[in-house]
Structure formats: structure tokens, C-alpha cells
Amino acid sequence: NWRDIKTRGVFAFVVSEANGHGMQVFDLRRLR
């Protein structure tokens, strides 16, 4: 269930080997 994260601009892109996970997109400005 390994997970990997990278960023570009103010967005994070998250993937996982969990079955059918795909790629999540997260707006990092929400952390503020």
C-alpha cells in the first residue's frame, strides 16, 4: 500500500498501490 506524493505549484498529487486508488489532487492552500 505504498504511497507517493509530489507537488507542482500549490497542488499535491498523491498515488498509492491500494487497489483502485488512482491519483488524488489536493490544493495545498487549504493548509493555511
All heavy atoms as atom14 arrays in JSON, in Angstrom:
{
  "sequence": "NWRDIKTRGVFAFVVSEANGHGMQVFDLRRLR",
  "atom14_mask": [
    [1, 1, 1, 1, 1, 1, 1, 1, 0, 0, 0, 0, 0, 0],
    [1, 1, 1, 1, 1, 1, 1, 1, 1, 1, 1, 1, 1, 1],
    [1, 1, 1, 1, 1, 1, 1, 1, 1, 1, 1, 0, 0, 0],
    [1, 1, 1, 1, 1, 1, 1, 1, 0, 0, 0, 0, 0, 0],
    [1, 1, 1, 1, 1, 1, 1, 1, 0, 0, 0, 0, 0, 0],
    [1, 1, 1, 1, 1, 1, 1, 1, 1, 0, 0, 0, 0, 0],
    [1, 1, 1, 1, 1, 1, 1, 0, 0, 0, 0, 0, 0, 0],
    [1, 1, 1, 1, 1, 1, 1, 1, 1, 1, 1, 0, 0, 0],
    [1, 1, 1, 1, 0, 0, 0, 0, 0, 0, 0, 0, 0, 0],
    [1, 1, 1, 1, 1, 1, 1, 0, 0, 0, 0, 0, 0, 0],
    [1, 1, 1, 1, 1, 1, 1, 1, 1, 1, 1, 0, 0, 0],
    [1, 1, 1, 1, 1, 0, 0, 0, 0, 0, 0, 0, 0, 0],
    [1, 1, 1, 1, 1, 1, 1, 1, 1, 1, 1, 0, 0, 0],
    [1, 1, 1, 1, 1, 1, 1, 0, 0, 0, 0, 0, 0, 0],
    [1, 1, 1, 1, 1, 1, 1, 0, 0, 0, 0, 0, 0, 0],
    [1, 1, 1, 1, 1, 1, 0, 0, 0, 0, 0, 0, 0, 0],
    [1, 1, 1, 1, 1, 1, 1, 1, 1, 0, 0, 0, 0, 0],
    [1, 1, 1, 1, 1, 0, 0, 0, 0, 0, 0, 0, 0, 0],
    [1, 1, 1, 1, 1, 1, 1, 1, 0, 0, 0, 0, 0, 0],
    [1, 1, 1, 1, 0, 0, 0, 0, 0, 0, 0, 0, 0, 0],
    [1, 1, 1, 1, 1, 1, 1, 1, 1, 1, 0, 0, 0, 0],
    [1, 1, 1, 1, 0, 0, 0, 0, 0, 0, 0, 0, 0, 0],
    [1, 1, 1, 1, 1, 1, 1, 1, 0, 0, 0, 0, 0, 0],
    [1, 1, 1, 1, 1, 1, 1, 1, 1, 0, 0, 0, 0, 0],
    [1, 1, 1, 1, 1, 1, 1, 0, 0, 0, 0, 0, 0, 0],
    [1, 1, 1, 1, 1, 1, 1, 1, 1, 1, 1, 0, 0, 0],
    [1, 1, 1, 1, 1, 1, 1, 1, 0, 0, 0, 0, 0, 0],
    [1, 1, 1, 1, 1, 1, 1, 1, 0, 0, 0, 0, 0, 0],
    [1, 1, 1, 1, 1, 1, 1, 1, 1, 1, 1, 0, 0, 0],
    [1, 1, 1, 1, 1, 1, 1, 1, 1, 1, 1, 0, 0, 0],
    [1, 1, 1, 1, 1, 1, 1, 1, 0, 0, 0, 0, 0, 0],
    [1, 1, 1, 1, 1, 1, 1, 1, 1, 1, 1, 0, 0, 0]
  ],
  "atom14_positions": [
    [[0.83, -1.2, 0.0], [0.0, 0.0, 0.0], [0.87, 1.25, 0.0], [0.56, 2.25, 0.62], [-0.92, 0.0, 1.23], [-1.85, -1.2, 1.25], [-2.87, -1.22, 0.59], [-1.47, -2.22, 2.01], [0.0, 0.0, 0.0], [0.0, 0.0, 0.0], [0.0, 0.0, 0.0], [0.0, 0.0, 0.0], [0.0, 0.0, 0.0], [0.0, 0.0, 0.0]],
    [[2.01, 1.16, -0.7], [2.94, 2.28, -0.72], [2.27, 3.5, -1.36], [1.47, 3.39, -2.28], [4.2, 1.9, -1.49], [4.8, 0.6, -1.04], [5.1, -0.47, -1.82], [5.15, 0.22, 0.3], [5.63, -1.48, -1.06], [5.66, -1.09, 0.25], [5.07, 0.86, 1.54], [6.11, -1.76, 1.36], [5.51, 0.19, 2.66], [6.03, -1.11, 2.57]],
    [[2.66, 4.65, -0.87], [2.07, 5.92, -1.31], [3.19, 6.84, -1.76], [4.3, 6.8, -1.24], [1.29, 6.54, -0.14], [0.33, 7.67, -0.51], [-0.52, 8.0, 0.72], [-1.05, 6.76, 1.31], [-2.15, 6.15, 0.88], [-2.87, 6.65, -0.11], [-2.55, 5.02, 1.45], [0.0, 0.0, 0.0], [0.0, 0.0, 0.0], [0.0, 0.0, 0.0]],
    [[2.89, 7.7, -2.72], [3.89, 8.65, -3.2], [3.22, 10.0, -3.4], [2.06, 10.07, -3.83], [4.52, 8.17, -4.51], [5.73, 9.0, -4.9], [6.71, 9.0, -4.15], [5.69, 9.66, -5.95], [0.0, 0.0, 0.0], [0.0, 0.0, 0.0], [0.0, 0.0, 0.0], [0.0, 0.0, 0.0], [0.0, 0.0, 0.0], [0.0, 0.0, 0.0]],
    [[3.95, 11.07, -3.09], [3.43, 12.43, -3.19], [4.44, 13.31, -3.9], [5.64, 13.25, -3.6], [3.18, 13.03, -1.79], [2.49, 12.04, -0.85], [2.41, 14.34, -1.91], [3.41, 11.44, 0.19], [0.0, 0.0, 0.0], [0.0, 0.0, 0.0], [0.0, 0.0, 0.0], [0.0, 0.0, 0.0], [0.0, 0.0, 0.0], [0.0, 0.0, 0.0]],
    [[3.96, 14.12, -4.83], [4.78, 15.18, -5.42], [3.93, 16.44, -5.5], [2.7, 16.4, -5.43], [5.28, 14.79, -6.81], [6.21, 13.59, -6.85], [7.52, 13.86, -6.15], [8.52, 12.72, -6.32], [8.05, 11.44, -5.79], [0.0, 0.0, 0.0], [0.0, 0.0, 0.0], [0.0, 0.0, 0.0], [0.0, 0.0, 0.0], [0.0, 0.0, 0.0]],
    [[4.59, 17.58, -5.7], [3.87, 18.84, -5.79], [4.24, 19.56, -7.07], [5.31, 19.37, -7.64], [4.2, 19.75, -4.59], [5.6, 20.04, -4.59], [3.82, 19.09, -3.28], [0.0, 0.0, 0.0], [0.0, 0.0, 0.0], [0.0, 0.0, 0.0], [0.0, 0.0, 0.0], [0.0, 0.0, 0.0], [0.0, 0.0, 0.0], [0.0, 0.0, 0.0]],
    [[3.31, 20.39, -7.52], [3.57, 21.35, -8.61], [2.73, 22.58, -8.32], [1.52, 22.49, -8.22], [3.21, 20.76, -9.97], [3.92, 21.46, -11.13], [3.14, 22.62, -11.66], [2.16, 22.17, -12.63], [1.12, 22.9, -13.03], [0.9, 24.09, -12.51], [0.26, 22.43, -13.89], [0.0, 0.0, 0.0], [0.0, 0.0, 0.0], [0.0, 0.0, 0.0]],
    [[3.41, 23.71, -8.12], [2.7, 24.91, -7.73], [2.09, 24.73, -6.36], [2.75, 24.33, -5.4], [0.0, 0.0, 0.0], [0.0, 0.0, 0.0], [0.0, 0.0, 0.0], [0.0, 0.0, 0.0], [0.0, 0.0, 0.0], [0.0, 0.0, 0.0], [0.0, 0.0, 0.0], [0.0, 0.0, 0.0], [0.0, 0.0, 0.0], [0.0, 0.0, 0.0]],
    [[0.78, 24.99, -6.24], [0.1, 24.91, -4.95], [-0.72, 23.62, -4.82], [-1.58, 23.51, -3.95], [-0.8, 26.14, -4.72], [0.03, 27.4, -4.66], [-1.87, 26.24, -5.81], [0.0, 0.0, 0.0], [0.0, 0.0, 0.0], [0.0, 0.0, 0.0], [0.0, 0.0, 0.0], [0.0, 0.0, 0.0], [0.0, 0.0, 0.0], [0.0, 0.0, 0.0]],
    [[-0.42, 22.63, -5.66], [-1.18, 21.38, -5.62], [-0.26, 20.2, -5.32], [0.89, 20.15, -5.76], [-1.9, 21.14, -6.95], [-3.08, 22.04, -7.16], [-2.94, 23.27, -7.78], [-4.35, 21.67, -6.71], [-4.02, 24.12, -7.96], [-5.44, 22.51, -6.88], [-5.27, 23.73, -7.51], [0.0, 0.0, 0.0], [0.0, 0.0, 0.0], [0.0, 0.0, 0.0]],
    [[-0.8, 19.25, -4.56], [-0.13, 17.98, -4.32], [-0.85, 16.89, -5.09], [-2.07, 16.92, -5.25], [-0.13, 17.65, -2.83], [0.0, 0.0, 0.0], [0.0, 0.0, 0.0], [0.0, 0.0, 0.0], [0.0, 0.0, 0.0], [0.0, 0.0, 0.0], [0.0, 0.0, 0.0], [0.0, 0.0, 0.0], [0.0, 0.0, 0.0], [0.0, 0.0, 0.0]],
    [[-0.07, 15.93, -5.58], [-0.6, 14.8, -6.34], [-0.18, 13.53, -5.6], [1.0, 13.32, -5.36], [-0.08, 14.84, -7.77], [-0.38, 16.14, -8.46], [0.51, 17.2, -8.41], [-1.58, 16.32, -9.14], [0.21, 18.41, -9.02], [-1.89, 17.53, -9.75], [-0.99, 18.58, -9.69], [0.0, 0.0, 0.0], [0.0, 0.0, 0.0], [0.0, 0.0, 0.0]],
    [[-1.17, 12.71, -5.27], [-0.94, 11.57, -4.38], [-1.41, 10.29, -5.06], [-2.55, 10.21, -5.53], [-1.72, 11.75, -3.05], [-1.41, 10.59, -2.1], [-1.39, 13.09, -2.41], [0.0, 0.0, 0.0], [0.0, 0.0, 0.0], [0.0, 0.0, 0.0], [0.0, 0.0, 0.0], [0.0, 0.0, 0.0], [0.0, 0.0, 0.0], [0.0, 0.0, 0.0]],
    [[-0.53, 9.29, -5.08], [-0.89, 7.99, -5.64], [-0.61, 6.91, -4.6], [0.09, 7.13, -3.61], [-0.1, 7.68, -6.93], [-0.41, 8.71, -8.01], [1.41, 7.62, -6.66], [0.0, 0.0, 0.0], [0.0, 0.0, 0.0], [0.0, 0.0, 0.0], [0.0, 0.0, 0.0], [0.0, 0.0, 0.0], [0.0, 0.0, 0.0], [0.0, 0.0, 0.0]],
    [[-1.19, 5.74, -4.83], [-0.97, 4.61, -3.92], [-1.18, 3.31, -4.68], [-1.88, 3.27, -5.69], [-1.95, 4.68, -2.74], [-1.87, 3.5, -1.95], [0.0, 0.0, 0.0], [0.0, 0.0, 0.0], [0.0, 0.0, 0.0], [0.0, 0.0, 0.0], [0.0, 0.0, 0.0], [0.0, 0.0, 0.0], [0.0, 0.0, 0.0], [0.0, 0.0, 0.0]],
    [[-0.59, 2.25, -4.14], [-0.82, 0.91, -4.68], [-2.08, 0.27, -4.11], [-2.41, -0.85, -4.5], [0.39, 0.02, -4.42], [1.62, 0.43, -5.2], [2.77, -0.54, -5.01], [2.52, -1.66, -4.53], [3.9, -0.19, -5.36], [0.0, 0.0, 0.0], [0.0, 0.0, 0.0], [0.0, 0.0, 0.0], [0.0, 0.0, 0.0], [0.0, 0.0, 0.0]],
    [[-2.76, 0.95, -3.2], [-4.05, 0.43, -2.72], [-4.97, 0.25, -3.92], [-5.07, 1.13, -4.78], [-4.67, 1.39, -1.71], [0.0, 0.0, 0.0], [0.0, 0.0, 0.0], [0.0, 0.0, 0.0], [0.0, 0.0, 0.0], [0.0, 0.0, 0.0], [0.0, 0.0, 0.0], [0.0, 0.0, 0.0], [0.0, 0.0, 0.0], [0.0, 0.0, 0.0]],
    [[-5.63, -0.87, -4.0], [-6.39, -1.28, -5.19], [-7.37, -0.2, -5.65], [-8.29, 0.18, -4.92], [-7.13, -2.58, -4.9], [-7.8, -3.14, -6.14], [-7.28, -3.0, -7.24], [-8.95, -3.76, -5.95], [0.0, 0.0, 0.0], [0.0, 0.0, 0.0], [0.0, 0.0, 0.0], [0.0, 0.0, 0.0], [0.0, 0.0, 0.0], [0.0, 0.0, 0.0]],
    [[-7.18, 0.33, -6.87], [-8.1, 1.3, -7.45], [-7.95, 2.71, -6.93], [-8.83, 3.55, -7.16], [0.0, 0.0, 0.0], [0.0, 0.0, 0.0], [0.0, 0.0, 0.0], [0.0, 0.0, 0.0], [0.0, 0.0, 0.0], [0.0, 0.0, 0.0], [0.0, 0.0, 0.0], [0.0, 0.0, 0.0], [0.0, 0.0, 0.0], [0.0, 0.0, 0.0]],
    [[-6.86, 3.03, -6.28], [-6.69, 4.34, -5.65], [-6.65, 5.48, -6.66], [-7.25, 6.53, -6.46], [-5.41, 4.35, -4.81], [-5.14, 5.63, -4.07], [-4.62, 6.75, -4.67], [-5.33, 5.95, -2.77], [-4.49, 7.71, -3.77], [-4.9, 7.25, -2.61], [0.0, 0.0, 0.0], [0.0, 0.0, 0.0], [0.0, 0.0, 0.0], [0.0, 0.0, 0.0]],
    [[-5.91, 5.31, -7.77], [-5.74, 6.4, -8.72], [-4.89, 7.51, -8.15], [-4.02, 7.29, -7.28], [0.0, 0.0, 0.0], [0.0, 0.0, 0.0], [0.0, 0.0, 0.0], [0.0, 0.0, 0.0], [0.0, 0.0, 0.0], [0.0, 0.0, 0.0], [0.0, 0.0, 0.0], [0.0, 0.0, 0.0], [0.0, 0.0, 0.0], [0.0, 0.0, 0.0]],
    [[-5.13, 8.75, -8.61], [-4.36, 9.91, -8.15], [-5.29, 10.94, -7.51], [-6.24, 11.4, -8.13], [-3.61, 10.55, -9.32], [-2.78, 11.78, -8.93], [-1.9, 12.51, -10.32], [-3.25, 13.34, -11.2], [0.0, 0.0, 0.0], [0.0, 0.0, 0.0], [0.0, 0.0, 0.0], [0.0, 0.0, 0.0], [0.0, 0.0, 0.0], [0.0, 0.0, 0.0]],
    [[-4.99, 11.29, -6.28], [-5.71, 12.37, -5.6], [-5.02, 13.7, -5.9], [-3.79, 13.77, -5.99], [-5.73, 12.14, -4.09], [-6.48, 10.9, -3.65], [-6.22, 10.59, -2.18], [-5.08, 10.46, -1.75], [-7.29, 10.47, -1.41], [0.0, 0.0, 0.0], [0.0, 0.0, 0.0], [0.0, 0.0, 0.0], [0.0, 0.0, 0.0], [0.0, 0.0, 0.0]],
    [[-5.82, 14.74, -6.03], [-5.31, 16.1, -6.22], [-5.76, 16.92, -5.02], [-6.94, 16.93, -4.66], [-5.84, 16.73, -7.52], [-5.26, 18.14, -7.7], [-5.49, 15.85, -8.72], [0.0, 0.0, 0.0], [0.0, 0.0, 0.0], [0.0, 0.0, 0.0], [0.0, 0.0, 0.0], [0.0, 0.0, 0.0], [0.0, 0.0, 0.0], [0.0, 0.0, 0.0]],
    [[-4.8, 17.61, -4.38], [-5.11, 18.36, -3.17], [-4.54, 19.77, -3.27], [-3.35, 19.95, -3.56], [-4.53, 17.65, -1.95], [-4.81, 18.35, -0.65], [-6.07, 18.26, -0.06], [-3.83, 19.1, -0.01], [-6.34, 18.91, 1.14], [-4.09, 19.75, 1.17], [-5.34, 19.66, 1.76], [0.0, 0.0, 0.0], [0.0, 0.0, 0.0], [0.0, 0.0, 0.0]],
    [[-5.39, 20.77, -3.03], [-4.98, 22.17, -3.05], [-4.32, 22.5, -1.71], [-4.99, 22.6, -0.67], [-6.2, 23.06, -3.28], [-5.83, 24.53, -3.52], [-4.74, 24.94, -3.07], [-6.63, 25.26, -4.14], [0.0, 0.0, 0.0], [0.0, 0.0, 0.0], [0.0, 0.0, 0.0], [0.0, 0.0, 0.0], [0.0, 0.0, 0.0], [0.0, 0.0, 0.0]],
    [[-3.01, 22.69, -1.75], [-2.24, 22.9, -0.52], [-2.53, 24.23, 0.15], [-2.2, 24.42, 1.33], [-0.75, 22.77, -0.84], [-0.29, 21.36, -1.24], [1.02, 21.43, -2.01], [-0.17, 20.46, -0.02], [0.0, 0.0, 0.0], [0.0, 0.0, 0.0], [0.0, 0.0, 0.0], [0.0, 0.0, 0.0], [0.0, 0.0, 0.0], [0.0, 0.0, 0.0]],
    [[-3.16, 25.16, -0.56], [-3.51, 26.43, 0.07], [-4.51, 26.23, 1.21], [-4.64, 27.1, 2.08], [-4.07, 27.38, -0.98], [-3.03, 27.88, -1.98], [-3.64, 28.64, -3.11], [-4.45, 27.79, -3.98], [-4.96, 28.17, -5.14], [-4.72, 29.4, -5.59], [-5.69, 27.35, -5.87], [0.0, 0.0, 0.0], [0.0, 0.0, 0.0], [0.0, 0.0, 0.0]],
    [[-5.19, 25.12, 1.22], [-6.14, 24.82, 2.29], [-5.45, 24.66, 3.65], [-6.08, 24.8, 4.7], [-6.95, 23.58, 1.95], [-7.85, 23.77, 0.74], [-8.36, 22.44, 0.17], [-9.14, 21.69, 1.14], [-9.58, 20.44, 0.92], [-9.28, 19.83, -0.23], [-10.29, 19.82, 1.83], [0.0, 0.0, 0.0], [0.0, 0.0, 0.0], [0.0, 0.0, 0.0]],
    [[-4.14, 24.38, 3.62], [-3.4, 24.22, 4.87], [-3.31, 25.54, 5.64], [-3.13, 25.54, 6.86], [-2.0, 23.68, 4.59], [-1.92, 22.34, 3.85], [-0.46, 21.97, 3.62], [-2.64, 21.24, 4.61], [0.0, 0.0, 0.0], [0.0, 0.0, 0.0], [0.0, 0.0, 0.0], [0.0, 0.0, 0.0], [0.0, 0.0, 0.0], [0.0, 0.0, 0.0]],
    [[-3.41, 26.67, 4.92], [-3.25, 27.98, 5.56], [-4.38, 28.26, 6.56], [-4.2, 29.02, 7.52], [-3.25, 29.09, 4.52], [-2.17, 29.0, 3.47], [-2.42, 30.03, 2.38], [-1.47, 29.92, 1.28], [-1.62, 30.53, 0.11], [-2.68, 31.29, -0.11], [-0.71, 30.38, -0.84], [0.0, 0.0, 0.0], [0.0, 0.0, 0.0], [0.0, 0.0, 0.0]]
  ]
}
